[in-house]
Amino acid sequence: MFDDKFKNLTGMSWEEAATYCNRLFFEATKLDEEAYLILMSDEADQDVWKRFAALKAVAKLKHATARLEWLRLTRILNSIDPKCGRATLTR
């Protein structure tokens, strides 16, 4: 019953939704790591700093997207069953 309600509200099972959020967080972390690799592998000229800043901005946006999606999903989870929806993102 829970799974049916969740899927009706989100179009995904809870497992699919959690996996999707985890993937978004993983991608954000990977982008952030790639940004720092740019600094380590090249001379710190203006072009390197621009590429670093651009990649950091994409990573930040991806992380914000992941966080908003996780919060949306936990709100839905709480609306279905408050006891199930204790999975919250703390910061």
N, C-alpha and C. Protein backbone atom coordinates (compact mmCIF):
# COMPACT_ATOMS: atom_id res chain seq x y z
N MET A 1 0.82 -1.19 0.00
CA MET A 1 0.00 0.00 0.00
C MET A 1 0.87 1.26 0.00
N PHE A 2 1.86 1.29 0.86
CA PHE A 2 2.76 2.44 0.91
C PHE A 2 3.42 2.65 -0.45
N ASP A 3 3.96 1.57 -1.01
CA ASP A 3 4.65 1.68 -2.30
C ASP A 3 3.72 2.19 -3.39
N ASP A 4 2.48 1.73 -3.39
CA ASP A 4 1.52 2.18 -4.40
C ASP A 4 1.23 3.68 -4.26
N LYS A 5 1.03 4.14 -3.03
CA LYS A 5 0.77 5.56 -2.81
C LYS A 5 1.97 6.40 -3.23
N PHE A 6 3.15 5.96 -2.83
CA PHE A 6 4.36 6.71 -3.17
C PHE A 6 4.54 6.78 -4.68
N LYS A 7 4.33 5.66 -5.36
CA LYS A 7 4.49 5.62 -6.81
C LYS A 7 3.44 6.49 -7.50
N ASN A 8 2.22 6.50 -6.99
CA ASN A 8 1.18 7.35 -7.57
C ASN A 8 1.53 8.83 -7.45
N LEU A 9 2.20 9.21 -6.37
CA LEU A 9 2.54 10.61 -6.14
C LEU A 9 3.82 11.04 -6.86
N THR A 10 4.73 10.10 -7.08
CA THR A 10 6.04 10.48 -7.63
C THR A 10 6.34 9.87 -9.00
N GLY A 11 5.65 8.81 -9.34
CA GLY A 11 5.96 8.10 -10.57
C GLY A 11 7.11 7.12 -10.43
N MET A 12 7.62 7.00 -9.20
CA MET A 12 8.74 6.11 -8.91
C MET A 12 8.46 5.33 -7.64
N SER A 13 9.07 4.16 -7.53
CA SER A 13 9.02 3.46 -6.24
C SER A 13 9.97 4.19 -5.29
N TRP A 14 9.85 3.89 -3.99
CA TRP A 14 10.75 4.52 -3.02
C TRP A 14 12.20 4.17 -3.35
N GLU A 15 12.46 2.92 -3.73
CA GLU A 15 13.82 2.50 -4.06
C GLU A 15 14.36 3.26 -5.27
N GLU A 16 13.52 3.45 -6.28
CA GLU A 16 13.93 4.21 -7.46
C GLU A 16 14.21 5.66 -7.10
N ALA A 17 13.36 6.24 -6.28
CA ALA A 17 13.52 7.64 -5.88
C ALA A 17 14.79 7.84 -5.06
N ALA A 18 15.03 6.94 -4.11
CA ALA A 18 16.24 7.03 -3.29
C ALA A 18 17.48 6.85 -4.16
N THR A 19 17.43 5.92 -5.08
CA THR A 19 18.56 5.69 -5.99
C THR A 19 18.81 6.92 -6.85
N TYR A 20 17.75 7.53 -7.35
CA TYR A 20 17.87 8.74 -8.16
C TYR A 20 18.56 9.86 -7.37
N CYS A 21 18.11 10.07 -6.13
CA CYS A 21 18.71 11.12 -5.30
C CYS A 21 20.18 10.81 -5.00
N ASN A 22 20.46 9.56 -4.70
CA ASN A 22 21.84 9.17 -4.43
C ASN A 22 22.72 9.43 -5.65
N ARG A 23 22.19 9.15 -6.83
CA ARG A 23 22.94 9.39 -8.07
C ARG A 23 23.22 10.88 -8.25
N LEU A 24 22.22 11.72 -7.97
CA LEU A 24 22.43 13.16 -8.08
C LEU A 24 23.51 13.65 -7.11
N PHE A 25 23.46 13.18 -5.87
CA PHE A 25 24.49 13.56 -4.89
C PHE A 25 25.87 13.06 -5.33
N PHE A 26 25.93 11.84 -5.83
CA PHE A 26 27.19 11.28 -6.30
C PHE A 26 27.75 12.11 -7.45
N GLU A 27 26.90 12.47 -8.41
CA GLU A 27 27.34 13.28 -9.54
C GLU A 27 27.85 14.65 -9.08
N ALA A 28 27.18 15.25 -8.12
CA ALA A 28 27.61 16.54 -7.60
C ALA A 28 28.98 16.43 -6.94
N THR A 29 29.17 15.39 -6.16
CA THR A 29 30.47 15.17 -5.51
C THR A 29 31.56 14.93 -6.54
N LYS A 30 31.25 14.15 -7.56
CA LYS A 30 32.23 13.86 -8.62
C LYS A 30 32.63 15.15 -9.35
N LEU A 31 31.68 15.99 -9.66
CA LEU A 31 31.98 17.27 -10.31
C LEU A 31 32.85 18.15 -9.42
N ASP A 32 32.54 18.16 -8.15
CA ASP A 32 33.33 18.94 -7.20
C ASP A 32 34.78 18.44 -7.16
N GLU A 33 34.95 17.13 -7.13
CA GLU A 33 36.29 16.54 -7.12
C GLU A 33 37.03 16.87 -8.42
N GLU A 34 36.32 16.82 -9.55
CA GLU A 34 36.93 17.15 -10.83
C GLU A 34 37.40 18.60 -10.87
N ALA A 35 36.63 19.46 -10.24
CA ALA A 35 37.02 20.88 -10.19
C ALA A 35 38.36 21.03 -9.48
N TYR A 36 38.53 20.35 -8.36
CA TYR A 36 39.78 20.46 -7.63
C TYR A 36 40.94 19.78 -8.36
N LEU A 37 40.63 18.77 -9.15
CA LEU A 37 41.68 18.14 -9.96
C LEU A 37 42.23 19.12 -11.00
N ILE A 38 41.38 19.98 -11.50
CA ILE A 38 41.83 21.01 -12.45
C ILE A 38 42.91 21.87 -11.80
N LEU A 39 42.69 22.23 -10.55
CA LEU A 39 43.68 23.07 -9.86
C LEU A 39 44.98 22.32 -9.62
N MET A 40 44.90 21.05 -9.38
CA MET A 40 46.11 20.27 -9.09
C MET A 40 46.92 19.93 -10.34
N SER A 41 46.26 19.85 -11.47
CA SER A 41 46.94 19.36 -12.66
C SER A 41 47.50 20.45 -13.55
N ASP A 42 47.06 21.66 -13.40
CA ASP A 42 47.49 22.75 -14.28
C ASP A 42 48.10 23.89 -13.48
N GLU A 43 48.77 24.75 -14.21
CA GLU A 43 49.23 25.98 -13.57
C GLU A 43 48.01 26.84 -13.26
N ALA A 44 48.10 27.57 -12.20
CA ALA A 44 46.95 28.36 -11.75
C ALA A 44 46.87 29.69 -12.52
N ASP A 45 46.63 29.61 -13.81
CA ASP A 45 46.44 30.83 -14.57
C ASP A 45 44.95 31.19 -14.59
N GLN A 46 44.64 32.28 -15.25
CA GLN A 46 43.26 32.78 -15.25
C GLN A 46 42.29 31.78 -15.89
N ASP A 47 42.70 31.10 -16.95
CA ASP A 47 41.85 30.13 -17.62
C ASP A 47 41.54 28.94 -16.70
N VAL A 48 42.52 28.50 -15.95
CA VAL A 48 42.32 27.39 -15.01
C VAL A 48 41.30 27.80 -13.94
N TRP A 49 41.44 29.01 -13.42
CA TRP A 49 40.50 29.48 -12.40
C TRP A 49 39.08 29.59 -12.97
N LYS A 50 38.96 30.00 -14.22
CA LYS A 50 37.64 30.09 -14.85
C LYS A 50 37.02 28.70 -15.00
N ARG A 51 37.82 27.73 -15.45
CA ARG A 51 37.30 26.36 -15.59
C ARG A 51 36.92 25.79 -14.23
N PHE A 52 37.77 26.06 -13.22
CA PHE A 52 37.48 25.60 -11.86
C PHE A 52 36.16 26.19 -11.37
N ALA A 53 36.01 27.50 -11.52
CA ALA A 53 34.80 28.17 -11.05
C ALA A 53 33.55 27.67 -11.78
N ALA A 54 33.69 27.44 -13.08
CA ALA A 54 32.54 26.96 -13.85
C ALA A 54 32.13 25.56 -13.39
N LEU A 55 33.10 24.69 -13.18
CA LEU A 55 32.78 23.33 -12.74
C LEU A 55 32.24 23.32 -11.32
N LYS A 56 32.78 24.18 -10.46
CA LYS A 56 32.26 24.29 -9.09
C LYS A 56 30.80 24.77 -9.11
N ALA A 57 30.48 25.69 -10.02
CA ALA A 57 29.11 26.20 -10.11
C ALA A 57 28.16 25.09 -10.55
N VAL A 58 28.58 24.27 -11.50
CA VAL A 58 27.75 23.15 -11.94
C VAL A 58 27.57 22.15 -10.80
N ALA A 59 28.64 21.88 -10.06
CA ALA A 59 28.57 20.95 -8.92
C ALA A 59 27.62 21.49 -7.86
N LYS A 60 27.70 22.78 -7.59
CA LYS A 60 26.83 23.39 -6.59
C LYS A 60 25.36 23.30 -7.01
N LEU A 61 25.10 23.56 -8.27
CA LEU A 61 23.74 23.46 -8.79
C LEU A 61 23.22 22.02 -8.71
N LYS A 62 24.06 21.07 -9.07
CA LYS A 62 23.67 19.66 -9.01
C LYS A 62 23.38 19.24 -7.57
N HIS A 63 24.20 19.72 -6.64
CA HIS A 63 23.98 19.40 -5.22
C HIS A 63 22.67 20.02 -4.74
N ALA A 64 22.41 21.25 -5.13
CA ALA A 64 21.16 21.91 -4.73
C ALA A 64 19.95 21.17 -5.30
N THR A 65 20.07 20.71 -6.54
CA THR A 65 19.00 19.93 -7.17
C THR A 65 18.76 18.63 -6.40
N ALA A 66 19.84 17.97 -6.03
CA ALA A 66 19.73 16.71 -5.28
C ALA A 66 19.07 16.96 -3.92
N ARG A 67 19.48 18.02 -3.26
CA ARG A 67 18.93 18.32 -1.95
C ARG A 67 17.44 18.64 -2.03
N LEU A 68 17.05 19.45 -3.01
CA LEU A 68 15.64 19.77 -3.18
C LEU A 68 14.81 18.54 -3.50
N GLU A 69 15.35 17.68 -4.34
CA GLU A 69 14.63 16.44 -4.68
C GLU A 69 14.49 15.55 -3.45
N TRP A 70 15.56 15.44 -2.66
CA TRP A 70 15.48 14.62 -1.44
C TRP A 70 14.45 15.20 -0.48
N LEU A 71 14.44 16.50 -0.31
CA LEU A 71 13.46 17.13 0.58
C LEU A 71 12.04 16.93 0.06
N ARG A 72 11.85 17.03 -1.25
CA ARG A 72 10.53 16.80 -1.85
C ARG A 72 10.07 15.36 -1.57
N LEU A 73 10.95 14.42 -1.77
CA LEU A 73 10.59 13.02 -1.56
C LEU A 73 10.30 12.71 -0.09
N THR A 74 11.06 13.31 0.81
CA THR A 74 10.78 13.05 2.23
C THR A 74 9.48 13.72 2.68
N ARG A 75 9.14 14.86 2.07
CA ARG A 75 7.84 15.47 2.38
C ARG A 75 6.71 14.54 1.93
N ILE A 76 6.86 13.97 0.75
CA ILE A 76 5.86 13.02 0.26
C ILE A 76 5.79 11.81 1.18
N LEU A 77 6.95 11.32 1.57
CA LEU A 77 7.01 10.18 2.48
C LEU A 77 6.30 10.50 3.78
N ASN A 78 6.54 11.69 4.33
CA ASN A 78 5.86 12.10 5.56
C ASN A 78 4.35 12.22 5.38
N SER A 79 3.92 12.63 4.20
CA SER A 79 2.48 12.78 3.97
C SER A 79 1.78 11.43 3.91
N ILE A 80 2.51 10.41 3.48
CA ILE A 80 1.93 9.06 3.40
C ILE A 80 1.90 8.41 4.78
N ASP A 81 3.02 8.48 5.46
CA ASP A 81 3.12 7.86 6.78
C ASP A 81 4.22 8.58 7.56
N PRO A 82 3.84 9.41 8.52
CA PRO A 82 4.83 10.18 9.28
C PRO A 82 5.90 9.31 9.94
N LYS A 83 5.58 8.08 10.29
CA LYS A 83 6.58 7.20 10.90
C LYS A 83 7.63 6.76 9.89
N CYS A 84 7.25 6.67 8.64
CA CYS A 84 8.20 6.26 7.59
C CYS A 84 9.06 7.41 7.15
N GLY A 85 8.56 8.62 7.27
CA GLY A 85 9.23 9.77 6.69
C GLY A 85 10.25 10.42 7.58
N ARG A 86 10.89 9.66 8.40
CA ARG A 86 11.90 10.24 9.29
C ARG A 86 13.23 10.46 8.61
N ALA A 87 13.35 10.01 7.36
CA ALA A 87 14.60 10.19 6.62
C ALA A 87 14.67 11.64 6.16
N THR A 88 15.47 12.42 6.86
CA THR A 88 15.61 13.83 6.50
C THR A 88 17.07 14.14 6.26
N LEU A 89 17.28 15.15 5.50
CA LEU A 89 18.63 15.60 5.21
C LEU A 89 18.99 16.69 6.19
N THR A 90 20.03 16.50 6.96
CA THR A 90 20.43 17.50 7.92
C THR A 90 21.61 18.28 7.38
N ARG A 91 21.66 19.49 7.79
CA ARG A 91 22.76 20.35 7.37
C ARG A 91 23.08 21.33 8.42
